[in-house]
Amino acid sequence: MISVYNLKPKFQRLLRPISDELARAGCTANQVTIAAILISFGTGAAIYFSRGMANLLLLPATLFLRMALNAIDGMLAREHNQKTPVGAILNEVGDVLSDSALYLPLATILPFNAIAIVLIVLLATISEMTGVIGVQIGASRRYDGPMGKSDRALVFGSLGLLLGLNLPIFPIVQPVCWIVVALLLLTVINRGRGALRELQGHSHS
């Protein structure tokens, strides 16, 4: 299934010099993960309390920075011997918390639909849980699309940018949100099926 996640290896290559420099400076993967969470909560608070369109420009900037920090913390953990149980928990819980902090405030802002936004946050959480359950049942951590974390960042970053620039896209915002809901449902199904197929492949090998 096509997903922005497929671009992750190229993104990581671009960020590897930064990751290596942070490692030399003594920065840890967990510190980077926590920074991404705090930045997400700060942006979500700014959007919620301002209720202004201009502050939606914070969304694409924060989402891009968060994706970069998430890639960097992964490289620090894998390539600089910083994997820890605490880091694994922070990584998974941090993604869910950051998504909630960034997207829930949109439920209070027109032209977003509050029900659609709440469903998106709920289904995003379920999709990440489904991905982790793959490990629990003996498969790999599933990142199947079509509406993974990177895809959600692309959609909402684009909406935030266009709305922040006062472009006339109000009529398409709610339909786009409902499409995201549908694609998240498909993502949950794909991750569950992918884990089961992987297990079946192991049993036949």
N, C-alpha and C. Protein backbone atom coordinates (compact mmCIF):
# COMPACT_ATOMS: atom_id res chain seq x y z
N MET A 1 0.85 -1.20 0.00
CA MET A 1 0.00 0.00 0.00
C MET A 1 0.89 1.25 0.00
N ILE A 2 0.59 2.19 -0.88
CA ILE A 2 1.38 3.41 -0.99
C ILE A 2 1.26 4.23 0.29
N SER A 3 2.41 4.72 0.77
CA SER A 3 2.44 5.54 1.98
C SER A 3 3.67 6.42 1.96
N VAL A 4 3.55 7.60 2.57
CA VAL A 4 4.70 8.49 2.71
C VAL A 4 5.80 7.81 3.51
N TYR A 5 5.41 6.83 4.34
CA TYR A 5 6.39 6.10 5.17
C TYR A 5 7.48 5.45 4.31
N ASN A 6 7.14 5.13 3.06
CA ASN A 6 8.12 4.50 2.17
C ASN A 6 9.30 5.41 1.86
N LEU A 7 9.15 6.71 2.09
CA LEU A 7 10.24 7.65 1.86
C LEU A 7 11.18 7.76 3.05
N LYS A 8 10.87 7.05 4.13
CA LYS A 8 11.64 7.20 5.38
C LYS A 8 13.13 6.93 5.21
N PRO A 9 13.56 5.89 4.47
CA PRO A 9 15.00 5.67 4.34
C PRO A 9 15.75 6.85 3.73
N LYS A 10 15.17 7.50 2.73
CA LYS A 10 15.81 8.67 2.11
C LYS A 10 15.86 9.83 3.10
N PHE A 11 14.78 10.01 3.85
CA PHE A 11 14.72 11.07 4.86
C PHE A 11 15.80 10.85 5.91
N GLN A 12 15.96 9.60 6.32
CA GLN A 12 16.96 9.28 7.33
C GLN A 12 18.37 9.56 6.83
N ARG A 13 18.62 9.27 5.58
CA ARG A 13 19.96 9.54 5.03
C ARG A 13 20.29 11.03 5.10
N LEU A 14 19.28 11.86 4.85
CA LEU A 14 19.50 13.31 4.91
C LEU A 14 19.79 13.77 6.34
N LEU A 15 19.17 13.08 7.30
CA LEU A 15 19.28 13.50 8.69
C LEU A 15 20.43 12.82 9.44
N ARG A 16 21.05 11.82 8.83
CA ARG A 16 22.09 11.07 9.55
C ARG A 16 23.24 11.94 10.04
N PRO A 17 23.72 12.94 9.28
CA PRO A 17 24.79 13.79 9.83
C PRO A 17 24.37 14.51 11.10
N ILE A 18 23.10 14.95 11.18
CA ILE A 18 22.61 15.60 12.40
C ILE A 18 22.56 14.60 13.54
N SER A 19 22.08 13.40 13.26
CA SER A 19 22.02 12.36 14.28
C SER A 19 23.41 12.04 14.82
N ASP A 20 24.38 11.90 13.92
CA ASP A 20 25.74 11.58 14.34
C ASP A 20 26.33 12.71 15.20
N GLU A 21 26.04 13.94 14.82
CA GLU A 21 26.56 15.09 15.58
C GLU A 21 25.93 15.15 16.97
N LEU A 22 24.62 14.87 17.05
CA LEU A 22 23.95 14.86 18.36
C LEU A 22 24.53 13.76 19.25
N ALA A 23 24.82 12.61 18.65
CA ALA A 23 25.40 11.52 19.44
C ALA A 23 26.77 11.92 19.98
N ARG A 24 27.57 12.59 19.17
CA ARG A 24 28.89 13.04 19.63
C ARG A 24 28.76 14.08 20.74
N ALA A 25 27.67 14.85 20.71
CA ALA A 25 27.45 15.87 21.73
C ALA A 25 26.85 15.30 23.01
N GLY A 26 26.56 14.00 23.01
CA GLY A 26 26.02 13.37 24.21
C GLY A 26 24.51 13.37 24.31
N CYS A 27 23.83 13.75 23.24
CA CYS A 27 22.37 13.77 23.24
C CYS A 27 21.84 12.33 23.12
N THR A 28 20.79 12.01 23.84
CA THR A 28 20.23 10.67 23.81
C THR A 28 18.95 10.62 22.99
N ALA A 29 18.61 9.41 22.55
CA ALA A 29 17.38 9.22 21.78
C ALA A 29 16.16 9.61 22.60
N ASN A 30 16.17 9.28 23.89
CA ASN A 30 15.02 9.61 24.74
C ASN A 30 14.83 11.11 24.89
N GLN A 31 15.92 11.85 24.94
CA GLN A 31 15.83 13.31 25.02
C GLN A 31 15.18 13.88 23.76
N VAL A 32 15.53 13.33 22.61
CA VAL A 32 14.95 13.78 21.34
C VAL A 32 13.46 13.45 21.30
N THR A 33 13.11 12.25 21.76
CA THR A 33 11.70 11.85 21.78
C THR A 33 10.87 12.78 22.66
N ILE A 34 11.39 13.09 23.85
CA ILE A 34 10.68 13.99 24.77
C ILE A 34 10.56 15.38 24.17
N ALA A 35 11.60 15.84 23.49
CA ALA A 35 11.55 17.15 22.84
C ALA A 35 10.43 17.20 21.81
N ALA A 36 10.27 16.12 21.03
CA ALA A 36 9.21 16.07 20.02
C ALA A 36 7.83 16.14 20.68
N ILE A 37 7.67 15.46 21.81
CA ILE A 37 6.38 15.49 22.52
C ILE A 37 6.08 16.89 23.04
N LEU A 38 7.07 17.52 23.67
CA LEU A 38 6.86 18.86 24.23
C LEU A 38 6.56 19.89 23.15
N ILE A 39 7.24 19.80 22.01
CA ILE A 39 6.98 20.72 20.91
C ILE A 39 5.56 20.54 20.38
N SER A 40 5.12 19.28 20.29
CA SER A 40 3.76 19.00 19.81
C SER A 40 2.72 19.59 20.75
N PHE A 41 2.93 19.42 22.06
CA PHE A 41 1.98 19.97 23.03
C PHE A 41 1.99 21.50 23.00
N GLY A 42 3.16 22.09 22.83
CA GLY A 42 3.23 23.55 22.75
C GLY A 42 2.49 24.09 21.55
N THR A 43 2.66 23.42 20.40
CA THR A 43 1.96 23.86 19.19
C THR A 43 0.45 23.67 19.33
N GLY A 44 0.04 22.52 19.87
CA GLY A 44 -1.39 22.27 20.07
C GLY A 44 -2.02 23.30 20.98
N ALA A 45 -1.32 23.68 22.04
CA ALA A 45 -1.84 24.71 22.95
C ALA A 45 -1.95 26.06 22.26
N ALA A 46 -0.96 26.40 21.45
CA ALA A 46 -0.99 27.68 20.73
C ALA A 46 -2.17 27.73 19.77
N ILE A 47 -2.43 26.62 19.07
CA ILE A 47 -3.56 26.58 18.13
C ILE A 47 -4.88 26.66 18.88
N TYR A 48 -4.99 25.93 19.99
CA TYR A 48 -6.25 25.90 20.75
C TYR A 48 -6.59 27.27 21.35
N PHE A 49 -5.61 27.89 21.97
CA PHE A 49 -5.90 29.13 22.69
C PHE A 49 -6.00 30.34 21.77
N SER A 50 -5.40 30.27 20.60
CA SER A 50 -5.48 31.42 19.68
C SER A 50 -6.73 31.38 18.83
N ARG A 51 -7.13 30.17 18.39
CA ARG A 51 -8.28 29.97 17.50
C ARG A 51 -8.16 30.75 16.20
N GLY A 52 -6.97 31.21 15.88
CA GLY A 52 -6.80 32.00 14.67
C GLY A 52 -6.22 31.17 13.53
N MET A 53 -6.57 31.54 12.30
CA MET A 53 -6.08 30.83 11.13
C MET A 53 -4.56 30.95 10.99
N ALA A 54 -4.01 32.10 11.33
CA ALA A 54 -2.58 32.32 11.14
C ALA A 54 -1.75 31.31 11.92
N ASN A 55 -2.22 30.94 13.11
CA ASN A 55 -1.47 29.99 13.93
C ASN A 55 -1.47 28.58 13.37
N LEU A 56 -2.35 28.33 12.40
CA LEU A 56 -2.33 27.02 11.75
C LEU A 56 -1.05 26.82 10.94
N LEU A 57 -0.34 27.91 10.66
CA LEU A 57 0.95 27.78 9.98
C LEU A 57 1.97 27.07 10.87
N LEU A 58 1.70 27.04 12.17
CA LEU A 58 2.57 26.29 13.07
C LEU A 58 2.48 24.79 12.81
N LEU A 59 1.34 24.35 12.28
CA LEU A 59 1.10 22.92 12.12
C LEU A 59 2.08 22.26 11.15
N PRO A 60 2.21 22.76 9.90
CA PRO A 60 3.16 22.11 9.00
C PRO A 60 4.59 22.18 9.50
N ALA A 61 4.96 23.30 10.11
CA ALA A 61 6.34 23.43 10.61
C ALA A 61 6.59 22.43 11.73
N THR A 62 5.64 22.31 12.66
CA THR A 62 5.82 21.39 13.78
C THR A 62 5.77 19.94 13.33
N LEU A 63 4.87 19.62 12.40
CA LEU A 63 4.78 18.25 11.91
C LEU A 63 6.07 17.82 11.21
N PHE A 64 6.64 18.74 10.42
CA PHE A 64 7.90 18.41 9.75
C PHE A 64 9.02 18.22 10.77
N LEU A 65 9.08 19.12 11.76
CA LEU A 65 10.10 19.02 12.79
C LEU A 65 9.93 17.74 13.60
N ARG A 66 8.67 17.41 13.90
CA ARG A 66 8.41 16.19 14.65
C ARG A 66 8.84 14.95 13.88
N MET A 67 8.56 14.91 12.57
CA MET A 67 8.98 13.76 11.77
C MET A 67 10.50 13.65 11.74
N ALA A 68 11.17 14.80 11.67
CA ALA A 68 12.63 14.79 11.68
C ALA A 68 13.16 14.27 13.01
N LEU A 69 12.58 14.76 14.10
CA LEU A 69 13.02 14.32 15.43
C LEU A 69 12.74 12.84 15.64
N ASN A 70 11.61 12.36 15.14
CA ASN A 70 11.30 10.94 15.27
C ASN A 70 12.29 10.08 14.49
N ALA A 71 12.68 10.55 13.31
CA ALA A 71 13.68 9.81 12.53
C ALA A 71 15.02 9.83 13.25
N ILE A 72 15.38 10.98 13.82
CA ILE A 72 16.67 11.10 14.51
C ILE A 72 16.71 10.24 15.75
N ASP A 73 15.62 10.21 16.53
CA ASP A 73 15.67 9.39 17.75
C ASP A 73 15.80 7.91 17.40
N GLY A 74 15.18 7.51 16.30
CA GLY A 74 15.33 6.12 15.86
C GLY A 74 16.75 5.79 15.46
N MET A 75 17.39 6.71 14.74
CA MET A 75 18.78 6.47 14.33
C MET A 75 19.72 6.48 15.53
N LEU A 76 19.47 7.38 16.48
CA LEU A 76 20.29 7.39 17.69
C LEU A 76 20.17 6.06 18.43
N ALA A 77 18.96 5.54 18.51
CA ALA A 77 18.75 4.28 19.23
C ALA A 77 19.41 3.11 18.51
N ARG A 78 19.22 3.03 17.20
CA ARG A 78 19.72 1.88 16.45
C ARG A 78 21.22 1.96 16.17
N GLU A 79 21.68 3.14 15.76
CA GLU A 79 23.04 3.26 15.24
C GLU A 79 24.05 3.69 16.29
N HIS A 80 23.57 4.09 17.47
CA HIS A 80 24.49 4.56 18.51
C HIS A 80 24.24 3.83 19.84
N ASN A 81 23.70 2.62 19.72
CA ASN A 81 23.55 1.73 20.87
C ASN A 81 22.79 2.39 22.02
N GLN A 82 21.65 3.01 21.69
CA GLN A 82 20.86 3.69 22.72
C GLN A 82 19.48 3.08 22.91
N LYS A 83 19.29 1.85 22.41
CA LYS A 83 17.99 1.21 22.59
C LYS A 83 17.77 0.86 24.06
N THR A 84 16.60 1.26 24.57
CA THR A 84 16.24 0.93 25.95
C THR A 84 14.75 0.60 26.00
N PRO A 85 14.31 -0.18 27.00
CA PRO A 85 12.87 -0.42 27.16
C PRO A 85 12.08 0.87 27.36
N VAL A 86 12.65 1.80 28.13
CA VAL A 86 11.98 3.09 28.35
C VAL A 86 11.83 3.83 27.03
N GLY A 87 12.87 3.77 26.19
CA GLY A 87 12.81 4.44 24.89
C GLY A 87 11.73 3.85 24.00
N ALA A 88 11.56 2.54 24.03
CA ALA A 88 10.53 1.89 23.22
C ALA A 88 9.14 2.36 23.65
N ILE A 89 8.93 2.45 24.96
CA ILE A 89 7.64 2.92 25.47
C ILE A 89 7.43 4.39 25.11
N LEU A 90 8.45 5.21 25.32
CA LEU A 90 8.35 6.63 24.99
C LEU A 90 8.02 6.84 23.52
N ASN A 91 8.64 6.05 22.67
CA ASN A 91 8.45 6.21 21.23
C ASN A 91 7.00 5.95 20.83
N GLU A 92 6.44 4.84 21.32
CA GLU A 92 5.08 4.49 20.94
C GLU A 92 4.05 5.41 21.60
N VAL A 93 4.19 5.62 22.90
CA VAL A 93 3.23 6.48 23.62
C VAL A 93 3.37 7.92 23.15
N GLY A 94 4.61 8.35 22.89
CA GLY A 94 4.84 9.72 22.45
C GLY A 94 4.16 10.04 21.13
N ASP A 95 4.16 9.06 20.21
CA ASP A 95 3.49 9.28 18.92
C ASP A 95 2.00 9.54 19.11
N VAL A 96 1.38 8.72 19.96
CA VAL A 96 -0.07 8.87 20.20
C VAL A 96 -0.37 10.19 20.90
N LEU A 97 0.44 10.52 21.91
CA LEU A 97 0.23 11.78 22.63
C LEU A 97 0.43 12.98 21.71
N SER A 98 1.46 12.93 20.88
CA SER A 98 1.75 14.05 19.99
C SER A 98 0.65 14.23 18.96
N ASP A 99 0.16 13.12 18.38
CA ASP A 99 -0.95 13.21 17.44
C ASP A 99 -2.16 13.86 18.11
N SER A 100 -2.48 13.40 19.30
CA SER A 100 -3.64 13.94 20.01
C SER A 100 -3.47 15.43 20.30
N ALA A 101 -2.27 15.81 20.74
CA ALA A 101 -2.02 17.21 21.09
C ALA A 101 -2.11 18.12 19.87
N LEU A 102 -1.68 17.62 18.72
CA LEU A 102 -1.66 18.46 17.51
C LEU A 102 -3.02 18.52 16.81
N TYR A 103 -3.76 17.40 16.81
CA TYR A 103 -4.97 17.34 16.00
C TYR A 103 -6.25 17.66 16.77
N LEU A 104 -6.33 17.31 18.05
CA LEU A 104 -7.57 17.58 18.80
C LEU A 104 -7.96 19.06 18.83
N PRO A 105 -7.01 20.01 18.96
CA PRO A 105 -7.40 21.42 18.95
C PRO A 105 -8.13 21.84 17.68
N LEU A 106 -7.92 21.11 16.59
CA LEU A 106 -8.60 21.46 15.34
C LEU A 106 -10.10 21.27 15.44
N ALA A 107 -10.55 20.43 16.39
CA ALA A 107 -11.98 20.19 16.57
C ALA A 107 -12.71 21.46 17.00
N THR A 108 -11.98 22.45 17.50
CA THR A 108 -12.60 23.69 17.97
C THR A 108 -12.53 24.80 16.93
N ILE A 109 -12.00 24.48 15.75
CA ILE A 109 -11.76 25.52 14.75
C ILE A 109 -12.54 25.21 13.48
N LEU A 110 -13.30 26.17 12.99
CA LEU A 110 -13.92 26.04 11.68
C LEU A 110 -12.84 26.28 10.63
N PRO A 111 -12.88 25.54 9.51
CA PRO A 111 -13.96 24.70 8.98
C PRO A 111 -13.85 23.22 9.33
N PHE A 112 -13.04 22.84 10.32
CA PHE A 112 -12.92 21.43 10.69
C PHE A 112 -14.20 20.94 11.36
N ASN A 113 -14.48 19.66 11.16
CA ASN A 113 -15.64 19.04 11.79
C ASN A 113 -15.17 18.32 13.06
N ALA A 114 -15.77 18.68 14.21
CA ALA A 114 -15.31 18.16 15.49
C ALA A 114 -15.41 16.64 15.56
N ILE A 115 -16.50 16.09 15.06
CA ILE A 115 -16.68 14.63 15.12
C ILE A 115 -15.61 13.93 14.28
N ALA A 116 -15.34 14.46 13.09
CA ALA A 116 -14.33 13.86 12.22
C ALA A 116 -12.95 13.91 12.88
N ILE A 117 -12.63 15.04 13.49
CA ILE A 117 -11.31 15.17 14.13
C ILE A 117 -11.16 14.19 15.29
N VAL A 118 -12.20 14.07 16.12
CA VAL A 118 -12.14 13.13 17.24
C VAL A 118 -11.99 11.69 16.73
N LEU A 119 -12.72 11.37 15.67
CA LEU A 119 -12.61 10.03 15.08
C LEU A 119 -11.21 9.80 14.53
N ILE A 120 -10.63 10.82 13.93
CA ILE A 120 -9.27 10.69 13.38
C ILE A 120 -8.27 10.40 14.49
N VAL A 121 -8.38 11.13 15.59
CA VAL A 121 -7.46 10.91 16.72
C VAL A 121 -7.67 9.51 17.30
N LEU A 122 -8.93 9.10 17.45
CA LEU A 122 -9.23 7.77 17.99
C LEU A 122 -8.70 6.67 17.08
N LEU A 123 -8.97 6.78 15.78
CA LEU A 123 -8.54 5.76 14.84
C LEU A 123 -7.02 5.76 14.66
N ALA A 124 -6.41 6.94 14.75
CA ALA A 124 -4.95 7.00 14.69
C ALA A 124 -4.34 6.22 15.85
N THR A 125 -4.93 6.38 17.04
CA THR A 125 -4.46 5.63 18.21
C THR A 125 -4.65 4.13 18.01
N ILE A 126 -5.80 3.75 17.50
CA ILE A 126 -6.07 2.32 17.26
C ILE A 126 -5.13 1.76 16.21
N SER A 127 -4.84 2.54 15.18
CA SER A 127 -3.94 2.06 14.12
C SER A 127 -2.53 1.83 14.67
N GLU A 128 -2.07 2.73 15.55
CA GLU A 128 -0.74 2.53 16.14
C GLU A 128 -0.76 1.33 17.09
N MET A 129 -1.84 1.14 17.85
CA MET A 129 -1.97 -0.03 18.71
C MET A 129 -1.94 -1.31 17.88
N THR A 130 -2.63 -1.30 16.74
CA THR A 130 -2.66 -2.47 15.88
C THR A 130 -1.27 -2.78 15.35
N GLY A 131 -0.51 -1.73 15.03
CA GLY A 131 0.86 -1.94 14.58
C GLY A 131 1.72 -2.59 15.63
N VAL A 132 1.55 -2.16 16.89
CA VAL A 132 2.33 -2.72 18.00
C VAL A 132 1.89 -4.15 18.32
N ILE A 133 0.60 -4.44 18.18
CA ILE A 133 0.09 -5.78 18.46
C ILE A 133 0.77 -6.81 17.57
N GLY A 134 1.22 -6.38 16.39
CA GLY A 134 1.96 -7.29 15.53
C GLY A 134 3.13 -7.92 16.25
N VAL A 135 3.84 -7.13 17.03
CA VAL A 135 4.98 -7.64 17.81
C VAL A 135 4.49 -8.61 18.88
N GLN A 136 3.39 -8.27 19.52
CA GLN A 136 2.86 -9.09 20.61
C GLN A 136 2.50 -10.50 20.15
N ILE A 137 2.02 -10.63 18.91
CA ILE A 137 1.60 -11.95 18.43
C ILE A 137 2.71 -12.66 17.66
N GLY A 138 3.90 -12.06 17.63
CA GLY A 138 5.04 -12.73 17.02
C GLY A 138 5.41 -12.26 15.63
N ALA A 139 4.74 -11.21 15.13
CA ALA A 139 5.09 -10.62 13.84
C ALA A 139 5.96 -9.39 14.09
N SER A 140 6.20 -8.59 13.05
CA SER A 140 6.98 -7.37 13.21
C SER A 140 6.06 -6.20 13.53
N ARG A 141 6.65 -5.08 13.95
CA ARG A 141 5.88 -3.84 14.13
C ARG A 141 5.37 -3.43 12.77
N ARG A 142 4.05 -3.30 12.64
CA ARG A 142 3.45 -3.04 11.33
C ARG A 142 3.31 -1.54 11.10
N TYR A 143 3.70 -1.10 9.89
CA TYR A 143 3.58 0.30 9.51
C TYR A 143 2.75 0.46 8.23
N ASP A 144 1.91 -0.53 7.92
CA ASP A 144 1.12 -0.49 6.69
C ASP A 144 0.28 0.78 6.61
N GLY A 145 0.07 1.24 5.38
CA GLY A 145 -0.76 2.41 5.13
C GLY A 145 -2.20 1.99 4.87
N PRO A 146 -2.95 2.91 4.26
CA PRO A 146 -2.52 4.12 3.55
C PRO A 146 -2.53 5.41 4.38
N MET A 147 -2.80 5.34 5.70
CA MET A 147 -2.89 6.58 6.47
C MET A 147 -2.11 6.42 7.78
N GLY A 148 -0.81 6.21 7.62
CA GLY A 148 0.07 6.13 8.78
C GLY A 148 0.43 7.51 9.30
N LYS A 149 1.33 7.53 10.26
CA LYS A 149 1.72 8.79 10.90
C LYS A 149 2.24 9.82 9.89
N SER A 150 3.08 9.38 8.97
CA SER A 150 3.65 10.31 7.98
C SER A 150 2.58 10.83 7.03
N ASP A 151 1.63 9.96 6.68
CA ASP A 151 0.55 10.37 5.78
C ASP A 151 -0.36 11.40 6.46
N ARG A 152 -0.64 11.17 7.74
CA ARG A 152 -1.45 12.14 8.48
C ARG A 152 -0.74 13.49 8.58
N ALA A 153 0.56 13.42 8.78
CA ALA A 153 1.33 14.66 8.85
C ALA A 153 1.27 15.42 7.54
N LEU A 154 1.34 14.70 6.42
CA LEU A 154 1.27 15.35 5.11
C LEU A 154 -0.09 16.02 4.90
N VAL A 155 -1.17 15.30 5.24
CA VAL A 155 -2.52 15.83 5.03
C VAL A 155 -2.75 17.06 5.90
N PHE A 156 -2.50 16.94 7.19
CA PHE A 156 -2.82 18.05 8.10
C PHE A 156 -1.80 19.18 8.00
N GLY A 157 -0.57 18.85 7.65
CA GLY A 157 0.40 19.91 7.38
C GLY A 157 -0.01 20.74 6.18
N SER A 158 -0.52 20.07 5.14
CA SER A 158 -0.97 20.79 3.94
C SER A 158 -2.20 21.64 4.25
N LEU A 159 -3.15 21.07 5.00
CA LEU A 159 -4.35 21.84 5.35
C LEU A 159 -3.97 23.05 6.20
N GLY A 160 -3.09 22.84 7.17
CA GLY A 160 -2.66 23.95 8.01
C GLY A 160 -1.98 25.04 7.23
N LEU A 161 -1.14 24.65 6.28
CA LEU A 161 -0.44 25.63 5.45
C LEU A 161 -1.41 26.44 4.61
N LEU A 162 -2.33 25.76 3.93
CA LEU A 162 -3.26 26.44 3.03
C LEU A 162 -4.23 27.34 3.80
N LEU A 163 -4.72 26.83 4.94
CA LEU A 163 -5.64 27.65 5.76
C LEU A 163 -4.90 28.82 6.40
N GLY A 164 -3.67 28.58 6.85
CA GLY A 164 -2.88 29.65 7.45
C GLY A 164 -2.57 30.76 6.49
N LEU A 165 -2.50 30.42 5.20
CA LEU A 165 -2.25 31.42 4.17
C LEU A 165 -3.55 32.04 3.65
N ASN A 166 -4.67 31.68 4.29
CA ASN A 166 -6.00 32.22 3.93
C ASN A 166 -6.42 31.88 2.51
N LEU A 167 -6.00 30.73 2.04
CA LEU A 167 -6.45 30.29 0.71
C LEU A 167 -7.86 29.71 0.83
N PRO A 168 -8.67 29.85 -0.22
CA PRO A 168 -10.10 29.49 -0.13
C PRO A 168 -10.35 27.99 -0.25
N ILE A 169 -9.99 27.23 0.79
CA ILE A 169 -10.17 25.77 0.74
C ILE A 169 -11.21 25.28 1.75
N PHE A 170 -11.95 26.22 2.36
CA PHE A 170 -12.95 25.82 3.36
C PHE A 170 -13.86 24.69 2.89
N PRO A 171 -14.38 24.72 1.65
CA PRO A 171 -15.34 23.67 1.24
C PRO A 171 -14.74 22.27 1.21
N ILE A 172 -13.41 22.14 1.06
CA ILE A 172 -12.84 20.80 0.93
C ILE A 172 -12.32 20.24 2.25
N VAL A 173 -12.26 21.06 3.30
CA VAL A 173 -11.62 20.61 4.54
C VAL A 173 -12.38 19.44 5.16
N GLN A 174 -13.69 19.57 5.32
CA GLN A 174 -14.45 18.49 5.94
C GLN A 174 -14.44 17.22 5.10
N PRO A 175 -14.65 17.29 3.77
CA PRO A 175 -14.54 16.06 2.97
C PRO A 175 -13.17 15.38 3.11
N VAL A 176 -12.10 16.19 3.15
CA VAL A 176 -10.77 15.61 3.31
C VAL A 176 -10.67 14.88 4.65
N CYS A 177 -11.22 15.49 5.71
CA CYS A 177 -11.17 14.85 7.02
C CYS A 177 -11.91 13.52 7.03
N TRP A 178 -13.06 13.47 6.37
CA TRP A 178 -13.81 12.21 6.34
C TRP A 178 -13.09 11.16 5.49
N ILE A 179 -12.39 11.59 4.47
CA ILE A 179 -11.57 10.66 3.69
C ILE A 179 -10.46 10.08 4.57
N VAL A 180 -9.87 10.94 5.40
CA VAL A 180 -8.83 10.47 6.34
C VAL A 180 -9.42 9.43 7.29
N VAL A 181 -10.64 9.65 7.77
CA VAL A 181 -11.30 8.68 8.65
C VAL A 181 -11.39 7.33 7.94
N ALA A 182 -11.87 7.35 6.69
CA ALA A 182 -12.03 6.10 5.93
C ALA A 182 -10.68 5.41 5.72
N LEU A 183 -9.66 6.19 5.38
CA LEU A 183 -8.33 5.61 5.15
C LEU A 183 -7.70 5.08 6.43
N LEU A 184 -8.03 5.69 7.56
CA LEU A 184 -7.54 5.17 8.84
C LEU A 184 -8.18 3.82 9.16
N LEU A 185 -9.47 3.70 8.87
CA LEU A 185 -10.12 2.40 9.05
C LEU A 185 -9.43 1.34 8.20
N LEU A 186 -9.11 1.69 6.96
CA LEU A 186 -8.42 0.76 6.07
C LEU A 186 -7.02 0.44 6.60
N THR A 187 -6.38 1.43 7.18
CA THR A 187 -5.04 1.23 7.74
C THR A 187 -5.07 0.23 8.89
N VAL A 188 -6.06 0.36 9.77
CA VAL A 188 -6.21 -0.59 10.88
C VAL A 188 -6.37 -2.01 10.33
N ILE A 189 -7.22 -2.15 9.33
CA ILE A 189 -7.45 -3.47 8.73
C ILE A 189 -6.17 -3.99 8.08
N ASN A 190 -5.49 -3.14 7.34
CA ASN A 190 -4.26 -3.56 6.65
C ASN A 190 -3.18 -4.00 7.63
N ARG A 191 -3.05 -3.29 8.75
CA ARG A 191 -2.03 -3.66 9.73
C ARG A 191 -2.35 -4.99 10.39
N GLY A 192 -3.62 -5.20 10.70
CA GLY A 192 -4.01 -6.48 11.27
C GLY A 192 -3.80 -7.62 10.29
N ARG A 193 -4.23 -7.43 9.06
CA ARG A 193 -4.06 -8.46 8.04
C ARG A 193 -2.58 -8.71 7.75
N GLY A 194 -1.81 -7.63 7.71
CA GLY A 194 -0.38 -7.77 7.42
C GLY A 194 0.32 -8.60 8.47
N ALA A 195 -0.01 -8.38 9.74
CA ALA A 195 0.59 -9.17 10.81
C ALA A 195 0.20 -10.63 10.71
N LEU A 196 -1.07 -10.91 10.40
CA LEU A 196 -1.52 -12.28 10.28
C LEU A 196 -0.87 -12.98 9.08
N ARG A 197 -0.74 -12.26 7.95
CA ARG A 197 -0.07 -12.84 6.78
C ARG A 197 1.39 -13.17 7.10
N GLU A 198 2.02 -12.28 7.85
CA GLU A 198 3.41 -12.50 8.22
C GLU A 198 3.56 -13.75 9.07
N LEU A 199 2.65 -13.94 10.01
CA LEU A 199 2.67 -15.14 10.84
C LEU A 199 2.44 -16.40 10.01
N GLN A 200 1.51 -16.32 9.06
CA GLN A 200 1.26 -17.47 8.19
C GLN A 200 2.49 -17.80 7.36
N GLY A 201 3.20 -16.76 6.90
CA GLY A 201 4.43 -16.97 6.14
C GLY A 201 5.50 -17.68 6.98
N HIS A 202 5.57 -17.31 8.28
CA HIS A 202 6.54 -17.95 9.16
C HIS A 202 6.21 -19.42 9.37
N SER A 203 4.89 -19.71 9.48
CA SER A 203 4.48 -21.09 9.75
C SER A 203 4.72 -22.01 8.55
N HIS A 204 4.75 -21.40 7.34
CA HIS A 204 4.95 -22.20 6.13
C HIS A 204 6.41 -22.32 5.75
N SER A 205 7.27 -21.55 6.39
CA SER A 205 8.69 -21.57 6.02
C SER A 205 9.46 -22.63 6.82
